[in-house]
Protein backbone atom coordinates (compact mmCIF):
# COMPACT_ATOMS: atom_id res chain seq x y z
CA UNK A 1 0.00 0.00 0.00
CA UNK A 2 1.30 3.37 -1.01
CA UNK A 3 0.60 6.49 0.94
CA UNK A 4 0.40 9.76 -0.95
CA UNK A 5 2.44 12.29 0.99
CA UNK A 6 1.45 15.02 -1.38
CA UNK A 7 3.67 17.48 -3.06
CA UNK A 8 6.59 16.99 -0.64
CA UNK A 9 7.53 13.62 -2.06
CA UNK A 10 7.59 15.02 -5.58
CA UNK A 11 9.63 18.01 -4.41
CA UNK A 12 12.10 15.70 -2.63
CA UNK A 13 12.61 13.67 -5.81
CA UNK A 14 13.02 16.87 -7.83
CA UNK A 15 15.60 18.25 -5.38
CA UNK A 16 17.55 14.96 -5.42
CA UNK A 17 17.44 14.92 -9.22
CA UNK A 18 18.62 18.54 -9.37
CA UNK A 19 21.46 17.80 -6.91
CA UNK A 20 22.63 14.82 -8.95
CA UNK A 21 22.37 16.89 -12.14
CA UNK A 22 24.37 19.74 -10.52
CA UNK A 23 27.08 17.33 -9.38
CA UNK A 24 27.36 15.78 -12.85
CA UNK A 25 27.41 19.23 -14.44
CA UNK A 26 30.12 20.36 -12.00
CA UNK A 27 32.28 17.35 -12.85
CA UNK A 28 31.85 18.00 -16.58
CA UNK A 29 32.72 21.68 -16.19
CA UNK A 30 35.72 20.78 -14.04
CA UNK A 31 37.11 18.37 -16.64
CA UNK A 32 36.54 20.49 -19.78
CA UNK A 33 39.90 22.33 -19.40
CA UNK A 34 41.65 19.02 -18.75
CA UNK A 35 40.13 17.54 -21.92
CA UNK A 36 41.13 20.59 -23.98
CA UNK A 37 44.65 20.48 -22.56
CA UNK A 38 44.84 16.77 -23.38
CA UNK A 39 43.76 17.48 -26.97
CA UNK A 40 46.36 20.24 -27.35
CA UNK A 41 49.07 17.93 -26.00
CA UNK A 42 48.05 15.19 -28.44
CA UNK A 43 48.36 17.64 -31.34
CA UNK A 44 51.79 18.69 -30.07
CA UNK A 45 52.83 15.03 -29.83
CA UNK A 46 51.80 14.50 -33.47
CA UNK A 47 53.78 17.55 -34.57
CA UNK A 48 56.83 16.47 -32.60
CA UNK A 49 56.59 12.91 -33.92
CA UNK A 50 56.56 14.30 -37.46
CA UNK A 51 59.63 16.42 -36.68
CA UNK A 52 61.39 13.40 -35.18
CA UNK A 53 60.69 11.42 -38.33
CA UNK A 54 62.07 14.22 -40.51
CA UNK A 55 65.20 14.48 -38.37
CA UNK A 56 65.72 10.70 -38.51
CA UNK A 57 65.47 10.80 -42.31
CA UNK A 58 67.98 13.65 -42.43
CA UNK A 59 70.29 11.70 -40.11
CA UNK A 60 70.11 8.70 -42.45
CA UNK A 61 70.97 10.90 -45.44
CA UNK A 62 73.91 12.44 -43.58
CA UNK A 63 75.15 9.03 -42.44
CA UNK A 64 75.01 7.78 -46.04
CA UNK A 65 76.93 10.86 -47.16
CA UNK A 66 79.56 10.32 -44.46
CA UNK A 67 79.90 6.66 -45.44
CA UNK A 68 80.32 7.68 -49.07
CA UNK A 69 82.98 10.25 -48.19
CA UNK A 70 84.88 7.71 -46.09
CA UNK A 71 84.77 4.86 -48.60
CA UNK A 72 84.32 6.34 -52.10
CA UNK A 73 87.18 8.41 -53.55
CA UNK A 74 84.92 9.66 -56.35
CA UNK A 75 82.52 11.13 -53.79
CA UNK A 76 85.42 12.94 -52.14
CA UNK A 77 86.59 14.23 -55.50
CA UNK A 78 83.10 15.46 -56.36
CA UNK A 79 82.77 17.34 -53.07
CA UNK A 80 86.23 18.89 -53.40
CA UNK A 81 85.44 20.04 -56.94
CA UNK A 82 82.02 21.45 -56.02
CA UNK A 83 82.81 23.06 -52.68
CA UNK A 84 86.43 24.08 -53.04
CA UNK A 85 86.60 24.62 -56.79
CA UNK A 86 89.58 22.33 -57.35
CA UNK A 87 90.41 21.18 -60.88
CA UNK A 88 92.81 18.62 -62.26
CA UNK A 89 95.90 19.83 -64.10
CA UNK A 90 94.98 20.74 -67.66
CA UNK A 91 91.29 21.33 -66.89
CA UNK A 92 89.56 24.67 -67.22
CA UNK A 93 86.92 25.70 -64.71
CA UNK A 94 83.86 27.51 -65.95
CA UNK A 95 81.53 28.97 -63.34
CA UNK A 96 77.96 29.88 -64.10
CA UNK A 97 76.56 32.68 -61.99
CA UNK A 98 73.00 32.82 -60.75
CA UNK A 99 71.24 35.72 -62.54
CA UNK A 100 69.59 36.89 -59.33
CA UNK A 101 72.86 36.84 -57.42
CA UNK A 102 74.74 38.64 -60.19
CA UNK A 103 72.04 41.32 -60.47
CA UNK A 104 72.21 41.90 -56.73
CA UNK A 105 75.99 42.27 -56.79
CA UNK A 106 75.84 44.72 -59.69
CA UNK A 107 77.80 42.71 -62.27
CA UNK A 108 75.24 43.24 -65.05
C-alpha atoms as a PDB file:
ATOM      1  CA  UNK A   1       0.000   0.000   0.000  1.00  0.00           C
ATOM      2  CA  UNK A   2       1.305   3.370  -1.012  1.00  0.00           C
ATOM      3  CA  UNK A   3       0.604   6.488   0.941  1.00  0.00           C
ATOM      4  CA  UNK A   4       0.400   9.761  -0.946  1.00  0.00           C
ATOM      5  CA  UNK A   5       2.440  12.286   0.988  1.00  0.00           C
ATOM      6  CA  UNK A   6       1.451  15.017  -1.378  1.00  0.00           C
ATOM      7  CA  UNK A   7       3.667  17.482  -3.062  1.00  0.00           C
ATOM      8  CA  UNK A   8       6.588  16.993  -0.640  1.00  0.00           C
ATOM      9  CA  UNK A   9       7.527  13.615  -2.064  1.00  0.00           C
ATOM     10  CA  UNK A  10       7.591  15.021  -5.580  1.00  0.00           C
ATOM     11  CA  UNK A  11       9.632  18.008  -4.410  1.00  0.00           C
ATOM     12  CA  UNK A  12      12.102  15.703  -2.635  1.00  0.00           C
ATOM     13  CA  UNK A  13      12.612  13.670  -5.813  1.00  0.00           C
ATOM     14  CA  UNK A  14      13.018  16.875  -7.826  1.00  0.00           C
ATOM     15  CA  UNK A  15      15.599  18.247  -5.379  1.00  0.00           C
ATOM     16  CA  UNK A  16      17.546  14.963  -5.420  1.00  0.00           C
ATOM     17  CA  UNK A  17      17.439  14.917  -9.224  1.00  0.00           C
ATOM     18  CA  UNK A  18      18.623  18.543  -9.368  1.00  0.00           C
ATOM     19  CA  UNK A  19      21.461  17.804  -6.910  1.00  0.00           C
ATOM     20  CA  UNK A  20      22.629  14.820  -8.947  1.00  0.00           C
ATOM     21  CA  UNK A  21      22.370  16.894 -12.135  1.00  0.00           C
ATOM     22  CA  UNK A  22      24.368  19.745 -10.523  1.00  0.00           C
ATOM     23  CA  UNK A  23      27.082  17.325  -9.385  1.00  0.00           C
ATOM     24  CA  UNK A  24      27.364  15.777 -12.848  1.00  0.00           C
ATOM     25  CA  UNK A  25      27.409  19.229 -14.443  1.00  0.00           C
ATOM     26  CA  UNK A  26      30.115  20.357 -11.996  1.00  0.00           C
ATOM     27  CA  UNK A  27      32.284  17.349 -12.854  1.00  0.00           C
ATOM     28  CA  UNK A  28      31.853  17.998 -16.576  1.00  0.00           C
ATOM     29  CA  UNK A  29      32.721  21.683 -16.190  1.00  0.00           C
ATOM     30  CA  UNK A  30      35.718  20.776 -14.043  1.00  0.00           C
ATOM     31  CA  UNK A  31      37.110  18.367 -16.643  1.00  0.00           C
ATOM     32  CA  UNK A  32      36.536  20.491 -19.785  1.00  0.00           C
ATOM     33  CA  UNK A  33      39.901  22.334 -19.395  1.00  0.00           C
ATOM     34  CA  UNK A  34      41.652  19.022 -18.753  1.00  0.00           C
ATOM     35  CA  UNK A  35      40.129  17.540 -21.917  1.00  0.00           C
ATOM     36  CA  UNK A  36      41.126  20.590 -23.979  1.00  0.00           C
ATOM     37  CA  UNK A  37      44.649  20.478 -22.561  1.00  0.00           C
ATOM     38  CA  UNK A  38      44.844  16.773 -23.383  1.00  0.00           C
ATOM     39  CA  UNK A  39      43.756  17.481 -26.965  1.00  0.00           C
ATOM     40  CA  UNK A  40      46.360  20.235 -27.348  1.00  0.00           C
ATOM     41  CA  UNK A  41      49.068  17.928 -26.002  1.00  0.00           C
ATOM     42  CA  UNK A  42      48.052  15.185 -28.440  1.00  0.00           C
ATOM     43  CA  UNK A  43      48.365  17.644 -31.335  1.00  0.00           C
ATOM     44  CA  UNK A  44      51.792  18.689 -30.070  1.00  0.00           C
ATOM     45  CA  UNK A  45      52.825  15.029 -29.833  1.00  0.00           C
ATOM     46  CA  UNK A  46      51.801  14.498 -33.466  1.00  0.00           C
ATOM     47  CA  UNK A  47      53.778  17.555 -34.574  1.00  0.00           C
ATOM     48  CA  UNK A  48      56.832  16.467 -32.596  1.00  0.00           C
ATOM     49  CA  UNK A  49      56.587  12.908 -33.922  1.00  0.00           C
ATOM     50  CA  UNK A  50      56.565  14.302 -37.456  1.00  0.00           C
ATOM     51  CA  UNK A  51      59.626  16.421 -36.678  1.00  0.00           C
ATOM     52  CA  UNK A  52      61.391  13.404 -35.177  1.00  0.00           C
ATOM     53  CA  UNK A  53      60.689  11.417 -38.333  1.00  0.00           C
ATOM     54  CA  UNK A  54      62.071  14.220 -40.514  1.00  0.00           C
ATOM     55  CA  UNK A  55      65.197  14.477 -38.367  1.00  0.00           C
ATOM     56  CA  UNK A  56      65.717  10.702 -38.510  1.00  0.00           C
ATOM     57  CA  UNK A  57      65.467  10.801 -42.312  1.00  0.00           C
ATOM     58  CA  UNK A  58      67.976  13.652 -42.428  1.00  0.00           C
ATOM     59  CA  UNK A  59      70.295  11.704 -40.109  1.00  0.00           C
ATOM     60  CA  UNK A  60      70.106   8.696 -42.454  1.00  0.00           C
ATOM     61  CA  UNK A  61      70.969  10.901 -45.439  1.00  0.00           C
ATOM     62  CA  UNK A  62      73.911  12.440 -43.583  1.00  0.00           C
ATOM     63  CA  UNK A  63      75.153   9.034 -42.436  1.00  0.00           C
ATOM     64  CA  UNK A  64      75.012   7.782 -46.037  1.00  0.00           C
ATOM     65  CA  UNK A  65      76.931  10.857 -47.163  1.00  0.00           C
ATOM     66  CA  UNK A  66      79.562  10.323 -44.456  1.00  0.00           C
ATOM     67  CA  UNK A  67      79.901   6.656 -45.438  1.00  0.00           C
ATOM     68  CA  UNK A  68      80.318   7.676 -49.073  1.00  0.00           C
ATOM     69  CA  UNK A  69      82.982  10.250 -48.195  1.00  0.00           C
ATOM     70  CA  UNK A  70      84.877   7.714 -46.095  1.00  0.00           C
ATOM     71  CA  UNK A  71      84.767   4.863 -48.605  1.00  0.00           C
ATOM     72  CA  UNK A  72      84.315   6.341 -52.101  1.00  0.00           C
ATOM     73  CA  UNK A  73      87.178   8.410 -53.546  1.00  0.00           C
ATOM     74  CA  UNK A  74      84.921   9.659 -56.347  1.00  0.00           C
ATOM     75  CA  UNK A  75      82.521  11.126 -53.785  1.00  0.00           C
ATOM     76  CA  UNK A  76      85.419  12.944 -52.136  1.00  0.00           C
ATOM     77  CA  UNK A  77      86.593  14.231 -55.502  1.00  0.00           C
ATOM     78  CA  UNK A  78      83.101  15.463 -56.362  1.00  0.00           C
ATOM     79  CA  UNK A  79      82.773  17.335 -53.068  1.00  0.00           C
ATOM     80  CA  UNK A  80      86.227  18.890 -53.404  1.00  0.00           C
ATOM     81  CA  UNK A  81      85.441  20.035 -56.940  1.00  0.00           C
ATOM     82  CA  UNK A  82      82.024  21.446 -56.022  1.00  0.00           C
ATOM     83  CA  UNK A  83      82.811  23.061 -52.682  1.00  0.00           C
ATOM     84  CA  UNK A  84      86.431  24.077 -53.041  1.00  0.00           C
ATOM     85  CA  UNK A  85      86.604  24.624 -56.790  1.00  0.00           C
ATOM     86  CA  UNK A  86      89.584  22.325 -57.350  1.00  0.00           C
ATOM     87  CA  UNK A  87      90.410  21.181 -60.875  1.00  0.00           C
ATOM     88  CA  UNK A  88      92.811  18.619 -62.260  1.00  0.00           C
ATOM     89  CA  UNK A  89      95.903  19.828 -64.104  1.00  0.00           C
ATOM     90  CA  UNK A  90      94.982  20.743 -67.663  1.00  0.00           C
ATOM     91  CA  UNK A  91      91.288  21.333 -66.894  1.00  0.00           C
ATOM     92  CA  UNK A  92      89.563  24.672 -67.215  1.00  0.00           C
ATOM     93  CA  UNK A  93      86.921  25.698 -64.711  1.00  0.00           C
ATOM     94  CA  UNK A  94      83.861  27.508 -65.952  1.00  0.00           C
ATOM     95  CA  UNK A  95      81.532  28.970 -63.338  1.00  0.00           C
ATOM     96  CA  UNK A  96      77.960  29.884 -64.101  1.00  0.00           C
ATOM     97  CA  UNK A  97      76.556  32.680 -61.994  1.00  0.00           C
ATOM     98  CA  UNK A  98      73.002  32.818 -60.752  1.00  0.00           C
ATOM     99  CA  UNK A  99      71.243  35.719 -62.539  1.00  0.00           C
ATOM    100  CA  UNK A 100      69.586  36.888 -59.332  1.00  0.00           C
ATOM    101  CA  UNK A 101      72.862  36.845 -57.420  1.00  0.00           C
ATOM    102  CA  UNK A 102      74.744  38.641 -60.187  1.00  0.00           C
ATOM    103  CA  UNK A 103      72.039  41.319 -60.468  1.00  0.00           C
ATOM    104  CA  UNK A 104      72.208  41.897 -56.725  1.00  0.00           C
ATOM    105  CA  UNK A 105      75.991  42.270 -56.794  1.00  0.00           C
ATOM    106  CA  UNK A 106      75.836  44.724 -59.694  1.00  0.00           C
ATOM    107  CA  UNK A 107      77.799  42.710 -62.273  1.00  0.00           C
ATOM    108  CA  UNK A 108      75.236  43.238 -65.045  1.00  0.00           C
END
